[in-house]
C-alpha atoms as a PDB file:
ATOM      1  CA  UNK A   1      28.029 -26.026  27.665  1.00  0.00           C
ATOM      2  CA  UNK A   2      24.528 -25.474  26.469  1.00  0.00           C
ATOM      3  CA  UNK A   3      23.956 -24.431  22.921  1.00  0.00           C
ATOM      4  CA  UNK A   4      21.813 -21.276  22.758  1.00  0.00           C
ATOM      5  CA  UNK A   5      18.764 -21.244  20.341  1.00  0.00           C
ATOM      6  CA  UNK A   6      18.811 -18.738  17.533  1.00  0.00           C
ATOM      7  CA  UNK A   7      15.897 -16.121  17.387  1.00  0.00           C
ATOM      8  CA  UNK A   8      13.050 -16.762  15.075  1.00  0.00           C
ATOM      9  CA  UNK A   9      14.305 -14.124  12.675  1.00  0.00           C
ATOM     10  CA  UNK A  10      17.727 -15.654  12.388  1.00  0.00           C
ATOM     11  CA  UNK A  11      16.029 -19.217  11.661  1.00  0.00           C
ATOM     12  CA  UNK A  12      14.051 -17.956   8.652  1.00  0.00           C
ATOM     13  CA  UNK A  13      15.504 -18.356   5.237  1.00  0.00           C
ATOM     14  CA  UNK A  14      13.416 -15.529   3.717  1.00  0.00           C
ATOM     15  CA  UNK A  15      12.421 -12.219   4.951  1.00  0.00           C
ATOM     16  CA  UNK A  16       8.712 -11.444   5.625  1.00  0.00           C
ATOM     17  CA  UNK A  17       7.104  -8.269   4.494  1.00  0.00           C
ATOM     18  CA  UNK A  18       4.738  -6.531   6.896  1.00  0.00           C
ATOM     19  CA  UNK A  19       1.400  -5.878   5.315  1.00  0.00           C
ATOM     20  CA  UNK A  20      -2.363  -5.425   5.603  1.00  0.00           C
ATOM     21  CA  UNK A  21      -3.787  -7.154   2.835  1.00  0.00           C
ATOM     22  CA  UNK A  22      -7.574  -8.178   2.906  1.00  0.00           C
ATOM     23  CA  UNK A  23      -7.980 -11.746   1.552  1.00  0.00           C
ATOM     24  CA  UNK A  24     -10.470 -14.574   1.433  1.00  0.00           C
ATOM     25  CA  UNK A  25      -9.431 -17.762   3.250  1.00  0.00           C
ATOM     26  CA  UNK A  26     -11.091 -21.072   2.163  1.00  0.00           C
ATOM     27  CA  UNK A  27     -11.100 -24.296   4.141  1.00  0.00           C
ATOM     28  CA  UNK A  28     -13.228 -27.428   3.124  1.00  0.00           C
ATOM     29  CA  UNK A  29     -15.076 -25.129   0.584  1.00  0.00           C
ATOM     30  CA  UNK A  30     -16.215 -22.512   3.041  1.00  0.00           C
ATOM     31  CA  UNK A  31     -14.855 -18.889   2.528  1.00  0.00           C
ATOM     32  CA  UNK A  32     -13.861 -16.745   5.344  1.00  0.00           C
ATOM     33  CA  UNK A  33     -12.632 -13.183   5.449  1.00  0.00           C
ATOM     34  CA  UNK A  34      -8.802 -12.705   6.635  1.00  0.00           C
ATOM     35  CA  UNK A  35      -6.212 -10.347   6.636  1.00  0.00           C
ATOM     36  CA  UNK A  36      -2.561 -11.042   5.715  1.00  0.00           C
ATOM     37  CA  UNK A  37      -0.384  -9.491   8.049  1.00  0.00           C
ATOM     38  CA  UNK A  38       3.057 -10.609   6.805  1.00  0.00           C
ATOM     39  CA  UNK A  39       3.937 -12.285   3.754  1.00  0.00           C
ATOM     40  CA  UNK A  40       7.229 -14.119   2.271  1.00  0.00           C
ATOM     41  CA  UNK A  41       7.952 -16.493  -0.515  1.00  0.00           C
ATOM     42  CA  UNK A  42       7.281 -19.543   1.896  1.00  0.00           C
ATOM     43  CA  UNK A  43       4.294 -18.580   3.926  1.00  0.00           C
ATOM     44  CA  UNK A  44       2.041 -15.789   5.624  1.00  0.00           C
ATOM     45  CA  UNK A  45       0.565 -14.741   8.847  1.00  0.00           C
ATOM     46  CA  UNK A  46      -3.240 -14.208   8.649  1.00  0.00           C
ATOM     47  CA  UNK A  47      -5.600 -12.817  11.069  1.00  0.00           C
ATOM     48  CA  UNK A  48      -9.198 -14.275  10.877  1.00  0.00           C
ATOM     49  CA  UNK A  49     -12.224 -15.043  12.990  1.00  0.00           C
ATOM     50  CA  UNK A  50     -11.947 -18.661  11.860  1.00  0.00           C
ATOM     51  CA  UNK A  51      -8.910 -20.840  12.587  1.00  0.00           C
ATOM     52  CA  UNK A  52      -8.646 -24.166  10.361  1.00  0.00           C
ATOM     53  CA  UNK A  53      -7.010 -27.069  12.356  1.00  0.00           C
ATOM     54  CA  UNK A  54      -3.208 -27.312  12.200  1.00  0.00           C
ATOM     55  CA  UNK A  55      -2.213 -29.540   9.229  1.00  0.00           C
ATOM     56  CA  UNK A  56      -5.426 -28.303   7.398  1.00  0.00           C
ATOM     57  CA  UNK A  57      -5.005 -27.344   3.686  1.00  0.00           C
ATOM     58  CA  UNK A  58      -6.331 -23.857   2.769  1.00  0.00           C
ATOM     59  CA  UNK A  59      -6.380 -21.667  -0.178  1.00  0.00           C
ATOM     60  CA  UNK A  60      -5.884 -17.773   0.160  1.00  0.00           C
ATOM     61  CA  UNK A  61      -7.240 -15.488  -2.654  1.00  0.00           C
ATOM     62  CA  UNK A  62      -6.336 -11.827  -2.810  1.00  0.00           C
ATOM     63  CA  UNK A  63      -6.530  -8.925  -5.227  1.00  0.00           C
ATOM     64  CA  UNK A  64      -3.390  -6.751  -5.007  1.00  0.00           C
ATOM     65  CA  UNK A  65      -4.283  -5.541  -7.801  1.00  0.00           C
ATOM     66  CA  UNK A  66      -4.462  -8.638  -9.681  1.00  0.00           C
ATOM     67  CA  UNK A  67      -6.023 -11.902  -8.307  1.00  0.00           C
ATOM     68  CA  UNK A  68      -3.615 -14.278  -6.828  1.00  0.00           C
ATOM     69  CA  UNK A  69      -4.282 -17.629  -5.304  1.00  0.00           C
ATOM     70  CA  UNK A  70      -2.176 -19.299  -2.836  1.00  0.00           C
ATOM     71  CA  UNK A  71      -2.312 -22.814  -1.414  1.00  0.00           C
ATOM     72  CA  UNK A  72      -0.821 -23.979   1.753  1.00  0.00           C
ATOM     73  CA  UNK A  73      -0.912 -25.764   4.967  1.00  0.00           C
ATOM     74  CA  UNK A  74      -1.708 -24.502   8.480  1.00  0.00           C
ATOM     75  CA  UNK A  75       1.326 -24.970  10.475  1.00  0.00           C
ATOM     76  CA  UNK A  76       0.650 -22.768  13.551  1.00  0.00           C
ATOM     77  CA  UNK A  77      -2.375 -21.212  15.053  1.00  0.00           C
ATOM     78  CA  UNK A  78      -3.351 -19.145  18.159  1.00  0.00           C
ATOM     79  CA  UNK A  79      -6.044 -16.798  19.412  1.00  0.00           C
ATOM     80  CA  UNK A  80      -5.478 -13.042  19.952  1.00  0.00           C
ATOM     81  CA  UNK A  81      -7.253  -9.899  21.044  1.00  0.00           C
ATOM     82  CA  UNK A  82      -8.010  -7.521  18.292  1.00  0.00           C
ATOM     83  CA  UNK A  83      -9.940  -4.352  18.168  1.00  0.00           C
ATOM     84  CA  UNK A  84     -13.288  -5.698  17.448  1.00  0.00           C
ATOM     85  CA  UNK A  85     -12.922  -8.787  19.570  1.00  0.00           C
ATOM     86  CA  UNK A  86     -11.192 -12.204  19.650  1.00  0.00           C
ATOM     87  CA  UNK A  87      -9.471 -13.121  16.424  1.00  0.00           C
ATOM     88  CA  UNK A  88      -7.480 -16.280  15.186  1.00  0.00           C
ATOM     89  CA  UNK A  89      -3.714 -15.824  14.095  1.00  0.00           C
ATOM     90  CA  UNK A  90      -2.538 -18.722  11.672  1.00  0.00           C
ATOM     91  CA  UNK A  91       0.521 -19.167   9.951  1.00  0.00           C
ATOM     92  CA  UNK A  92       0.381 -20.793   6.583  1.00  0.00           C
ATOM     93  CA  UNK A  93       3.163 -22.462   4.654  1.00  0.00           C
ATOM     94  CA  UNK A  94       2.828 -22.294   1.019  1.00  0.00           C
ATOM     95  CA  UNK A  95       2.999 -25.490  -1.091  1.00  0.00           C
ATOM     96  CA  UNK A  96       4.446 -23.866  -3.993  1.00  0.00           C
ATOM     97  CA  UNK A  97       5.172 -20.192  -5.353  1.00  0.00           C
ATOM     98  CA  UNK A  98       2.665 -19.198  -7.949  1.00  0.00           C
ATOM     99  CA  UNK A  99       3.528 -16.668 -10.508  1.00  0.00           C
ATOM    100  CA  UNK A 100       2.675 -13.169  -9.190  1.00  0.00           C
ATOM    101  CA  UNK A 101       3.836 -13.955  -5.549  1.00  0.00           C
ATOM    102  CA  UNK A 102       7.460 -12.544  -6.248  1.00  0.00           C
ATOM    103  CA  UNK A 103       6.082  -9.472  -7.973  1.00  0.00           C
ATOM    104  CA  UNK A 104       3.659  -8.802  -5.040  1.00  0.00           C
ATOM    105  CA  UNK A 105       6.399  -8.925  -2.583  1.00  0.00           C
ATOM    106  CA  UNK A 106       8.529  -6.577  -4.502  1.00  0.00           C
ATOM    107  CA  UNK A 107       5.760  -4.088  -4.805  1.00  0.00           C
ATOM    108  CA  UNK A 108       5.048  -4.353  -1.134  1.00  0.00           C
ATOM    109  CA  UNK A 109       8.800  -4.186  -0.113  1.00  0.00           C
ATOM    110  CA  UNK A 110       9.285  -0.944  -2.259  1.00  0.00           C
ATOM    111  CA  UNK A 111       6.218   0.655  -0.626  1.00  0.00           C
ATOM    112  CA  UNK A 112       7.781  -0.163   2.813  1.00  0.00           C
ATOM    113  CA  UNK A 113      11.106   1.440   1.754  1.00  0.00           C
ATOM    114  CA  UNK A 114       9.539   4.424   0.406  1.00  0.00           C
END
């Protein structure tokens, strides 16, 4: 009897918050504009016109309203169609949870539940 795979949501250990936060993505010292589409304590999904290679180390800087810097590894990439054209979707796994991330997720969660 085959074992059925659980859905992606069932496998996640933490919930993701849907958002639309502008951020700066940095790879190899070069800065790119990006948007965080969802966010959790362990990672984020970003949309950008630039996609770093899988396994690449990146930093994400955002102001929401305080400056928050996140560091992580690119674990998944894909190209997607967006309104202005083709954009890259990349999943980042954070290397650590900096102070401020829990507070930001709490603020975003309270906005979505209001």
